[in-house]
Amino acid sequence: MTEPEAFAQLKRDLTVVVSAEALFTLTDLCGLGPDDAVASAVRTARTLTGAALR
């Protein structure tokens, strides 16, 4: 995969993590409070970004 393709894929992956639907799922279905839901999304985004940069 070329660098531009990898970057485009990372952007799509991160879109899933930072979407409103993801936060609704974390709060409504997983029972997290707003701050914990955001922290979880941030942690997941960091993990995806770190994996993409390896």
Protein backbone atom coordinates (compact mmCIF):
# COMPACT_ATOMS: atom_id res chain seq x y z
CA MET A 1 0.00 0.00 0.00
CA THR A 2 1.37 3.41 -0.89
CA GLU A 3 1.72 6.18 1.67
CA PRO A 4 -1.24 8.19 0.29
CA GLU A 5 -3.42 5.06 0.30
CA ALA A 6 -2.35 4.21 3.85
CA PHE A 7 -3.11 7.75 5.00
CA ALA A 8 -6.53 7.66 3.34
CA GLN A 9 -7.29 4.34 5.06
CA LEU A 10 -6.18 5.73 8.43
CA LYS A 11 -8.55 8.68 7.97
CA ARG A 12 -11.42 6.27 7.27
CA ASP A 13 -10.50 4.15 10.30
CA LEU A 14 -10.39 7.18 12.57
CA THR A 15 -13.74 8.40 11.24
CA VAL A 16 -15.35 5.29 12.71
CA VAL A 17 -13.72 5.94 16.09
CA VAL A 18 -14.57 9.62 16.42
CA SER A 19 -18.10 9.50 15.01
CA ALA A 20 -21.09 10.54 17.05
CA GLU A 21 -22.42 7.00 16.69
CA ALA A 22 -19.28 5.61 18.35
CA LEU A 23 -19.75 7.91 21.32
CA PHE A 24 -23.45 7.05 21.54
CA THR A 25 -22.54 3.36 21.57
CA LEU A 26 -19.98 3.85 24.31
CA THR A 27 -22.41 5.80 26.48
CA ASP A 28 -25.70 4.03 25.75
CA LEU A 29 -24.68 0.42 25.15
CA CYS A 30 -21.46 0.26 27.17
CA GLY A 31 -22.70 2.46 29.99
CA LEU A 32 -19.73 4.84 30.04
CA GLY A 33 -20.05 8.42 31.18
CA PRO A 34 -19.24 11.14 28.65
CA ASP A 35 -15.67 11.68 29.86
CA ASP A 36 -14.92 7.95 29.88
CA ALA A 37 -16.45 7.55 26.42
CA VAL A 38 -14.23 10.29 25.02
CA ALA A 39 -11.19 8.80 26.76
CA SER A 40 -11.98 5.42 25.24
CA ALA A 41 -12.32 6.92 21.76
CA VAL A 42 -9.01 8.76 22.18
CA ARG A 43 -7.28 5.57 23.34
CA THR A 44 -8.63 3.67 20.33
CA ALA A 45 -7.61 6.46 17.93
CA ARG A 46 -4.08 6.43 19.36
CA THR A 47 -3.89 2.66 18.99
CA LEU A 48 -5.02 2.78 15.36
CA THR A 49 -2.65 5.61 14.55
CA GLY A 50 0.28 3.87 16.23
CA ALA A 51 -0.41 0.65 14.34
CA ALA A 52 -0.69 2.52 11.04
CA LEU A 53 2.66 4.23 11.58
CA ARG A 54 4.58 1.00 12.23
